[in-house]
Amino acid sequence: QVQLVESGGDLAQPGGSLTLSCTTSGFAFRQAGMNWYRQPPGKERELVARIFGSWNTTNYVDAVKGRFTTSRDNNRATVTLQMNGLKIEDTAIYYCHTRIGGGAHWGQGTQVTVSS
């Protein structure tokens, strides 16, 4: 079955960096678009970044453009979210997501807390 497992969440200071990883299995990763969502405390889940299966095209929400970078390793079936210049408002649970055969699949999430 499809499995997505995030890791790398931690406590960071404003201006710091974190790298999140999503290790996947159970589907054809090379062809799959992969997404990063986040859910800040008390708010709805929002799309942060996506990387498409073909050409590695990426999209980012305006709030993270220039600070976050997502990439993928098709050999290892993993996707990474490099987060630089962290801000307090980046505090959230970060989720890896993909849609396979019309069905949405989520990881369990990893907590990122940005605080001084």
N, C-alpha and C. Protein backbone atom coordinates (compact mmCIF):
# COMPACT_ATOMS: atom_id res chain seq x y z
N GLN A 1 0.84 -1.18 0.00
CA GLN A 1 0.00 0.00 0.00
C GLN A 1 0.88 1.24 0.00
N VAL A 2 0.26 2.36 -0.34
CA VAL A 2 0.97 3.63 -0.38
C VAL A 2 1.36 4.05 1.03
N GLN A 3 2.63 4.38 1.18
CA GLN A 3 3.10 4.87 2.47
C GLN A 3 3.95 6.10 2.27
N LEU A 4 3.72 7.09 3.11
CA LEU A 4 4.48 8.34 3.11
C LEU A 4 4.92 8.58 4.55
N VAL A 5 6.21 8.76 4.75
CA VAL A 5 6.72 8.96 6.11
C VAL A 5 7.62 10.19 6.13
N GLU A 6 7.15 11.21 6.86
CA GLU A 6 7.92 12.44 6.98
C GLU A 6 8.91 12.35 8.13
N SER A 7 9.98 13.10 8.01
CA SER A 7 10.95 13.23 9.10
C SER A 7 11.65 14.57 8.98
N GLY A 8 12.32 14.97 10.04
CA GLY A 8 13.11 16.18 10.00
C GLY A 8 12.54 17.36 10.74
N GLY A 9 11.32 17.26 11.21
CA GLY A 9 10.75 18.36 11.96
C GLY A 9 11.48 18.57 13.27
N ASP A 10 11.55 19.83 13.69
CA ASP A 10 12.33 20.16 14.90
C ASP A 10 12.00 21.57 15.34
N LEU A 11 12.63 21.98 16.42
CA LEU A 11 12.57 23.35 16.89
C LEU A 11 13.72 24.12 16.24
N ALA A 12 13.40 25.28 15.67
CA ALA A 12 14.42 26.11 15.03
C ALA A 12 14.22 27.56 15.43
N GLN A 13 15.28 28.33 15.35
CA GLN A 13 15.19 29.75 15.64
C GLN A 13 14.81 30.51 14.39
N PRO A 14 14.20 31.67 14.54
CA PRO A 14 13.92 32.51 13.37
C PRO A 14 15.20 32.76 12.57
N GLY A 15 15.09 32.63 11.26
CA GLY A 15 16.26 32.76 10.41
C GLY A 15 17.00 31.47 10.18
N GLY A 16 16.65 30.44 10.91
CA GLY A 16 17.33 29.16 10.79
C GLY A 16 16.83 28.33 9.64
N SER A 17 17.34 27.12 9.58
CA SER A 17 17.01 26.20 8.49
C SER A 17 16.65 24.83 9.02
N LEU A 18 15.79 24.16 8.28
CA LEU A 18 15.46 22.76 8.53
C LEU A 18 15.27 22.07 7.19
N THR A 19 15.53 20.77 7.20
CA THR A 19 15.28 19.97 6.01
C THR A 19 14.31 18.85 6.36
N LEU A 20 13.18 18.84 5.69
CA LEU A 20 12.20 17.78 5.87
C LEU A 20 12.35 16.76 4.74
N SER A 21 12.14 15.51 5.09
CA SER A 21 12.17 14.44 4.09
C SER A 21 10.89 13.64 4.15
N CYS A 22 10.51 13.11 3.00
CA CYS A 22 9.35 12.23 2.91
C CYS A 22 9.79 10.98 2.16
N THR A 23 9.81 9.89 2.86
CA THR A 23 10.18 8.62 2.26
C THR A 23 8.92 7.88 1.86
N THR A 24 8.88 7.39 0.63
CA THR A 24 7.65 6.82 0.11
C THR A 24 7.83 5.37 -0.34
N SER A 25 6.73 4.67 -0.46
CA SER A 25 6.73 3.31 -1.00
C SER A 25 5.32 2.96 -1.44
N GLY A 26 5.23 1.92 -2.27
CA GLY A 26 3.92 1.39 -2.64
C GLY A 26 3.29 1.99 -3.88
N PHE A 27 4.01 2.83 -4.61
CA PHE A 27 3.46 3.39 -5.84
C PHE A 27 4.61 3.81 -6.76
N ALA A 28 4.24 4.14 -8.00
CA ALA A 28 5.23 4.53 -9.01
C ALA A 28 5.67 5.96 -8.76
N PHE A 29 6.67 6.11 -7.95
CA PHE A 29 7.08 7.43 -7.48
C PHE A 29 7.50 8.35 -8.63
N ARG A 30 8.21 7.82 -9.60
CA ARG A 30 8.76 8.68 -10.67
C ARG A 30 7.68 9.47 -11.39
N GLN A 31 6.50 8.89 -11.52
CA GLN A 31 5.43 9.56 -12.27
C GLN A 31 4.53 10.42 -11.37
N ALA A 32 4.74 10.35 -10.10
CA ALA A 32 3.80 10.98 -9.17
C ALA A 32 4.18 12.41 -8.82
N GLY A 33 3.21 13.29 -8.85
CA GLY A 33 3.40 14.62 -8.30
C GLY A 33 3.39 14.53 -6.78
N MET A 34 4.28 15.24 -6.14
CA MET A 34 4.39 15.19 -4.68
C MET A 34 4.18 16.60 -4.12
N ASN A 35 3.46 16.66 -3.02
CA ASN A 35 3.10 17.95 -2.43
C ASN A 35 3.50 18.01 -0.97
N TRP A 36 3.79 19.21 -0.52
CA TRP A 36 3.99 19.51 0.90
C TRP A 36 2.87 20.44 1.34
N TYR A 37 2.18 20.04 2.38
CA TYR A 37 1.17 20.87 3.02
C TYR A 37 1.65 21.19 4.43
N ARG A 38 1.03 22.19 5.02
CA ARG A 38 1.27 22.46 6.43
C ARG A 38 -0.01 22.92 7.10
N GLN A 39 -0.08 22.66 8.39
CA GLN A 39 -1.24 23.09 9.17
C GLN A 39 -0.75 23.81 10.41
N PRO A 40 -0.83 25.14 10.40
CA PRO A 40 -0.44 25.92 11.57
C PRO A 40 -1.44 25.69 12.70
N PRO A 41 -1.05 25.97 13.93
CA PRO A 41 -1.97 25.79 15.07
C PRO A 41 -3.26 26.58 14.87
N GLY A 42 -4.38 25.92 14.99
CA GLY A 42 -5.67 26.58 14.90
C GLY A 42 -6.09 27.01 13.51
N LYS A 43 -5.34 26.58 12.50
CA LYS A 43 -5.66 26.99 11.13
C LYS A 43 -5.87 25.76 10.24
N GLU A 44 -6.35 26.02 9.05
CA GLU A 44 -6.58 24.94 8.11
C GLU A 44 -5.27 24.53 7.42
N ARG A 45 -5.29 23.32 6.93
CA ARG A 45 -4.13 22.82 6.19
C ARG A 45 -4.02 23.59 4.87
N GLU A 46 -2.79 23.92 4.49
CA GLU A 46 -2.56 24.68 3.27
C GLU A 46 -1.42 24.07 2.46
N LEU A 47 -1.54 24.20 1.15
CA LEU A 47 -0.48 23.72 0.25
C LEU A 47 0.71 24.67 0.31
N VAL A 48 1.90 24.12 0.45
CA VAL A 48 3.12 24.91 0.56
C VAL A 48 3.96 24.81 -0.71
N ALA A 49 4.14 23.59 -1.19
CA ALA A 49 5.03 23.38 -2.33
C ALA A 49 4.63 22.10 -3.04
N ARG A 50 4.92 22.05 -4.31
CA ARG A 50 4.68 20.83 -5.06
C ARG A 50 5.77 20.64 -6.09
N ILE A 51 6.02 19.36 -6.39
CA ILE A 51 6.98 19.03 -7.43
C ILE A 51 6.34 17.96 -8.28
N PHE A 52 6.34 18.20 -9.58
CA PHE A 52 5.66 17.32 -10.50
C PHE A 52 6.58 16.17 -10.91
N GLY A 53 5.95 15.09 -11.38
CA GLY A 53 6.71 13.91 -11.73
C GLY A 53 7.57 14.09 -12.97
N SER A 54 7.08 14.91 -13.90
CA SER A 54 7.83 15.13 -15.14
C SER A 54 8.58 16.46 -15.07
N TRP A 55 9.80 16.46 -15.45
CA TRP A 55 10.62 17.66 -15.56
C TRP A 55 10.93 18.31 -14.21
N ASN A 56 10.44 17.71 -13.11
CA ASN A 56 10.71 18.26 -11.77
C ASN A 56 10.28 19.71 -11.63
N THR A 57 9.24 20.08 -12.30
CA THR A 57 8.69 21.43 -12.16
C THR A 57 8.18 21.63 -10.74
N THR A 58 8.43 22.81 -10.18
CA THR A 58 8.01 23.09 -8.81
C THR A 58 7.13 24.32 -8.75
N ASN A 59 6.26 24.34 -7.76
CA ASN A 59 5.42 25.49 -7.45
C ASN A 59 5.49 25.74 -5.95
N TYR A 60 5.37 27.02 -5.55
CA TYR A 60 5.40 27.37 -4.14
C TYR A 60 4.33 28.41 -3.85
N VAL A 61 3.80 28.34 -2.64
CA VAL A 61 2.91 29.39 -2.19
C VAL A 61 3.75 30.65 -1.97
N ASP A 62 3.15 31.80 -2.17
CA ASP A 62 3.90 33.06 -2.10
C ASP A 62 4.64 33.23 -0.77
N ALA A 63 4.07 32.75 0.31
CA ALA A 63 4.65 32.95 1.64
C ALA A 63 6.02 32.29 1.80
N VAL A 64 6.33 31.31 0.96
CA VAL A 64 7.60 30.59 1.13
C VAL A 64 8.52 30.73 -0.07
N LYS A 65 8.08 31.41 -1.10
CA LYS A 65 8.92 31.58 -2.29
C LYS A 65 10.24 32.25 -1.93
N GLY A 66 11.31 31.69 -2.46
CA GLY A 66 12.63 32.23 -2.18
C GLY A 66 13.24 31.72 -0.90
N ARG A 67 12.46 31.03 -0.08
CA ARG A 67 12.98 30.50 1.19
C ARG A 67 12.96 28.97 1.22
N PHE A 68 11.92 28.38 0.63
CA PHE A 68 11.77 26.93 0.64
C PHE A 68 12.09 26.37 -0.74
N THR A 69 12.66 25.18 -0.76
CA THR A 69 12.94 24.48 -2.01
C THR A 69 12.58 23.01 -1.85
N THR A 70 11.79 22.51 -2.77
CA THR A 70 11.48 21.09 -2.75
C THR A 70 12.20 20.39 -3.90
N SER A 71 12.63 19.18 -3.64
CA SER A 71 13.34 18.40 -4.65
C SER A 71 12.98 16.93 -4.45
N ARG A 72 13.35 16.12 -5.41
CA ARG A 72 13.03 14.70 -5.32
C ARG A 72 14.19 13.85 -5.77
N ASP A 73 14.27 12.67 -5.18
CA ASP A 73 15.26 11.66 -5.58
C ASP A 73 14.46 10.46 -6.05
N ASN A 74 14.35 10.29 -7.35
CA ASN A 74 13.53 9.21 -7.88
C ASN A 74 14.12 7.83 -7.60
N ASN A 75 15.43 7.76 -7.43
CA ASN A 75 16.05 6.47 -7.13
C ASN A 75 15.71 6.01 -5.71
N ARG A 76 15.58 6.96 -4.82
CA ARG A 76 15.29 6.63 -3.42
C ARG A 76 13.82 6.83 -3.08
N ALA A 77 13.04 7.30 -4.07
CA ALA A 77 11.61 7.54 -3.84
C ALA A 77 11.38 8.45 -2.65
N THR A 78 12.14 9.52 -2.60
CA THR A 78 12.01 10.48 -1.50
C THR A 78 11.84 11.89 -2.06
N VAL A 79 11.19 12.70 -1.31
CA VAL A 79 11.04 14.11 -1.63
C VAL A 79 11.48 14.91 -0.41
N THR A 80 12.12 16.04 -0.68
CA THR A 80 12.71 16.85 0.38
C THR A 80 12.18 18.27 0.32
N LEU A 81 12.03 18.88 1.48
CA LEU A 81 11.68 20.28 1.57
C LEU A 81 12.77 20.98 2.38
N GLN A 82 13.57 21.77 1.68
CA GLN A 82 14.61 22.56 2.34
C GLN A 82 14.02 23.90 2.73
N MET A 83 14.06 24.20 4.01
CA MET A 83 13.44 25.43 4.52
C MET A 83 14.52 26.32 5.10
N ASN A 84 14.71 27.47 4.48
CA ASN A 84 15.69 28.46 4.95
C ASN A 84 14.97 29.73 5.37
N GLY A 85 15.66 30.56 6.12
CA GLY A 85 15.06 31.81 6.53
C GLY A 85 13.75 31.62 7.27
N LEU A 86 13.72 30.65 8.17
CA LEU A 86 12.47 30.31 8.85
C LEU A 86 11.91 31.49 9.64
N LYS A 87 10.59 31.58 9.63
CA LYS A 87 9.87 32.61 10.36
C LYS A 87 8.95 31.95 11.38
N ILE A 88 8.57 32.70 12.38
CA ILE A 88 7.68 32.18 13.40
C ILE A 88 6.40 31.64 12.77
N GLU A 89 5.93 32.33 11.75
CA GLU A 89 4.69 31.91 11.09
C GLU A 89 4.83 30.63 10.27
N ASP A 90 6.04 30.09 10.17
CA ASP A 90 6.23 28.80 9.52
C ASP A 90 5.93 27.64 10.47
N THR A 91 5.69 27.96 11.73
CA THR A 91 5.36 26.93 12.71
C THR A 91 4.09 26.19 12.29
N ALA A 92 4.21 24.86 12.17
CA ALA A 92 3.08 24.07 11.69
C ALA A 92 3.46 22.60 11.71
N ILE A 93 2.47 21.76 11.52
CA ILE A 93 2.73 20.36 11.20
C ILE A 93 2.83 20.29 9.68
N TYR A 94 3.89 19.70 9.18
CA TYR A 94 4.13 19.60 7.74
C TYR A 94 3.82 18.17 7.28
N TYR A 95 3.06 18.09 6.20
CA TYR A 95 2.61 16.81 5.67
C TYR A 95 3.09 16.62 4.23
N CYS A 96 3.44 15.40 3.94
CA CYS A 96 3.72 14.98 2.59
C CYS A 96 2.42 14.41 2.01
N HIS A 97 2.18 14.65 0.73
CA HIS A 97 0.90 14.25 0.12
C HIS A 97 1.12 13.88 -1.33
N THR A 98 0.36 12.90 -1.79
CA THR A 98 0.29 12.60 -3.21
C THR A 98 -1.10 12.09 -3.54
N ARG A 99 -1.43 12.15 -4.80
CA ARG A 99 -2.73 11.64 -5.25
C ARG A 99 -2.45 10.54 -6.27
N ILE A 100 -2.90 9.35 -5.93
CA ILE A 100 -2.66 8.18 -6.78
C ILE A 100 -4.01 7.56 -7.14
N GLY A 101 -4.26 7.42 -8.44
CA GLY A 101 -5.51 6.81 -8.87
C GLY A 101 -6.74 7.51 -8.34
N GLY A 102 -6.63 8.82 -8.19
CA GLY A 102 -7.77 9.59 -7.70
C GLY A 102 -7.90 9.63 -6.20
N GLY A 103 -7.06 8.86 -5.50
CA GLY A 103 -7.13 8.86 -4.05
C GLY A 103 -6.00 9.66 -3.42
N ALA A 104 -6.30 10.39 -2.37
CA ALA A 104 -5.30 11.21 -1.69
C ALA A 104 -4.62 10.39 -0.61
N HIS A 105 -3.32 10.55 -0.51
CA HIS A 105 -2.52 9.83 0.49
C HIS A 105 -1.67 10.84 1.25
N TRP A 106 -1.66 10.69 2.55
CA TRP A 106 -0.97 11.60 3.45
C TRP A 106 0.00 10.86 4.35
N GLY A 107 1.08 11.55 4.70
CA GLY A 107 1.93 11.06 5.76
C GLY A 107 1.35 11.42 7.11
N GLN A 108 2.07 11.05 8.16
CA GLN A 108 1.57 11.31 9.51
C GLN A 108 1.88 12.72 9.97
N GLY A 109 2.77 13.41 9.25
CA GLY A 109 3.13 14.77 9.60
C GLY A 109 4.36 14.85 10.48
N THR A 110 5.04 15.98 10.40
CA THR A 110 6.21 16.24 11.25
C THR A 110 6.13 17.68 11.73
N GLN A 111 6.37 17.88 13.01
CA GLN A 111 6.18 19.19 13.64
C GLN A 111 7.40 20.09 13.43
N VAL A 112 7.14 21.27 12.93
CA VAL A 112 8.16 22.31 12.81
C VAL A 112 7.74 23.46 13.71
N THR A 113 8.61 23.83 14.63
CA THR A 113 8.35 24.94 15.53
C THR A 113 9.47 25.95 15.39
N VAL A 114 9.08 27.17 15.08
CA VAL A 114 10.07 28.25 14.94
C VAL A 114 9.84 29.22 16.08
N SER A 115 10.84 29.35 16.92
CA SER A 115 10.70 30.17 18.12
C SER A 115 12.07 30.60 18.60
N SER A 116 12.11 31.81 19.18
CA SER A 116 13.36 32.28 19.76
C SER A 116 13.42 31.94 21.24
